[in-house]
Amino acid sequence: VFAPTNAAFDAAAVAVLGARATGTDLVDALDKEALTDVLLYHVSPGERFSEDVLAAERIRMMNKDFTLVDGTTIVGNSSAASLLAPDLIDIDAKNGVIHAIDYVLLP
């Protein structure tokens, strides 16, 4: 999972909805299909630790699109996110690995 921070959702909301919008406003504004597509664009099947992510040129996401990897940047179709500090990547969870990113990837 490439998990955008709360600040990333807030920044995306401001860009899409205007100066006073929050991440919650953005989630509320999206219809179910659009929200599902955005969320699935942040999930890759299997376990991918940072060395696997950084060694990849592209990664298939759960919405069936690909995201590209350029250095420490994950590049979506219309946005890019950087992997954050080492303590916010490679979080080994029961069902996968979490990597905090600084931007909401848009399919």
Protein backbone atom coordinates (compact mmCIF):
# COMPACT_ATOMS: atom_id res chain seq x y z
CA VAL A 1 0.00 0.00 0.00
CA PHE A 2 1.26 3.45 -0.94
CA ALA A 3 -0.53 5.48 1.73
CA PRO A 4 -0.82 9.24 1.23
CA THR A 5 -0.43 11.29 4.39
CA ASN A 6 -3.30 13.41 5.70
CA ALA A 7 -1.42 16.47 4.42
CA ALA A 8 -1.33 14.88 0.96
CA PHE A 9 -5.12 14.43 0.97
CA ASP A 10 -5.58 18.02 2.17
CA ALA A 11 -3.32 19.33 -0.61
CA ALA A 12 -5.22 17.31 -3.23
CA ALA A 13 -8.50 18.68 -1.90
CA VAL A 14 -7.28 22.27 -2.16
CA ALA A 15 -6.11 21.63 -5.73
CA VAL A 16 -9.43 20.09 -6.77
CA LEU A 17 -12.03 21.87 -4.62
CA GLY A 18 -10.49 25.17 -3.53
CA ALA A 19 -8.61 26.88 -0.72
CA ARG A 20 -10.67 25.79 2.28
CA ALA A 21 -11.18 22.14 1.30
CA THR A 22 -9.85 19.24 3.34
CA GLY A 23 -9.08 15.64 2.51
CA THR A 24 -12.42 14.67 4.02
CA ASP A 25 -14.17 17.10 1.67
CA LEU A 26 -12.40 15.50 -1.28
CA VAL A 27 -13.42 11.98 -0.27
CA ASP A 28 -17.01 13.16 0.22
CA ALA A 29 -17.02 14.86 -3.21
CA LEU A 30 -16.02 11.75 -5.15
CA ASP A 31 -18.63 9.27 -6.27
CA LYS A 32 -18.15 5.66 -5.21
CA GLU A 33 -16.61 4.58 -8.54
CA ALA A 34 -14.07 7.43 -8.64
CA LEU A 35 -13.12 6.96 -4.98
CA THR A 36 -12.67 3.22 -5.49
CA ASP A 37 -10.43 3.84 -8.52
CA VAL A 38 -8.25 6.33 -6.60
CA LEU A 39 -7.94 4.04 -3.58
CA LEU A 40 -7.11 0.96 -5.66
CA TYR A 41 -4.47 3.00 -7.50
CA HIS A 42 -2.59 3.12 -4.18
CA VAL A 43 -2.51 -0.66 -3.69
CA SER A 44 -0.24 -3.15 -5.40
CA PRO A 45 -0.79 -6.90 -5.06
CA GLY A 46 1.67 -8.83 -2.90
CA GLU A 47 4.43 -7.60 -0.62
CA ARG A 48 6.77 -4.93 -1.95
CA PHE A 49 9.48 -3.66 0.35
CA SER A 50 11.22 -0.42 -0.63
CA GLU A 51 14.12 -2.18 -2.36
CA ASP A 52 11.58 -3.99 -4.57
CA VAL A 53 9.71 -0.75 -5.27
CA LEU A 54 12.86 1.18 -6.15
CA ALA A 55 14.17 -1.64 -8.36
CA ALA A 56 10.95 -1.70 -10.41
CA GLU A 57 10.36 0.43 -13.47
CA ARG A 58 6.61 0.10 -13.17
CA ILE A 59 4.18 -1.50 -10.77
CA ARG A 60 0.72 -2.87 -11.54
CA MET A 61 -1.84 -1.47 -9.16
CA MET A 62 -5.10 -3.06 -8.02
CA ASN A 63 -7.17 -0.84 -10.36
CA LYS A 64 -5.30 -2.57 -13.27
CA ASP A 65 -3.31 0.58 -14.18
CA PHE A 66 0.44 0.84 -13.85
CA THR A 67 2.44 3.38 -11.91
CA LEU A 68 6.05 4.16 -12.82
CA VAL A 69 9.04 4.35 -10.49
CA ASP A 70 11.68 7.02 -11.10
CA GLY A 71 14.34 7.06 -8.39
CA THR A 72 12.44 7.50 -5.13
CA THR A 73 9.37 8.88 -6.89
CA ILE A 74 6.21 6.93 -7.66
CA VAL A 75 4.65 8.44 -10.80
CA GLY A 76 0.93 8.14 -11.46
CA ASN A 77 -0.87 9.03 -14.67
CA SER A 78 -1.36 12.63 -13.59
CA SER A 79 0.60 13.01 -10.35
CA ALA A 80 3.79 11.96 -8.58
CA ALA A 81 4.61 11.08 -4.97
CA SER A 82 7.86 10.64 -3.09
CA LEU A 83 8.48 7.86 -0.62
CA LEU A 84 8.83 9.50 2.77
CA ALA A 85 11.30 9.07 5.63
CA PRO A 86 12.64 5.56 6.30
CA ASP A 87 10.49 5.21 9.42
CA LEU A 88 7.36 5.64 7.23
CA ILE A 89 8.24 3.02 4.60
CA ASP A 90 8.55 -0.74 4.86
CA ILE A 91 5.93 -0.96 7.60
CA ASP A 92 5.37 -4.72 7.65
CA ALA A 93 1.66 -5.33 8.20
CA LYS A 94 -0.22 -8.61 8.55
CA ASN A 95 -1.42 -8.55 4.94
CA GLY A 96 1.25 -6.49 3.15
CA VAL A 97 3.70 -3.61 3.37
CA ILE A 98 2.84 0.07 3.89
CA HIS A 99 4.79 2.97 2.40
CA ALA A 100 3.79 6.54 3.31
CA ILE A 101 3.85 8.92 0.34
CA ASP A 102 3.52 12.68 0.12
CA TYR A 103 0.96 12.98 -2.69
CA VAL A 104 -2.35 11.43 -3.72
CA LEU A 105 -1.76 9.42 -6.90
CA LEU A 106 -4.42 10.04 -9.51
CA PRO A 107 -5.18 7.34 -12.07
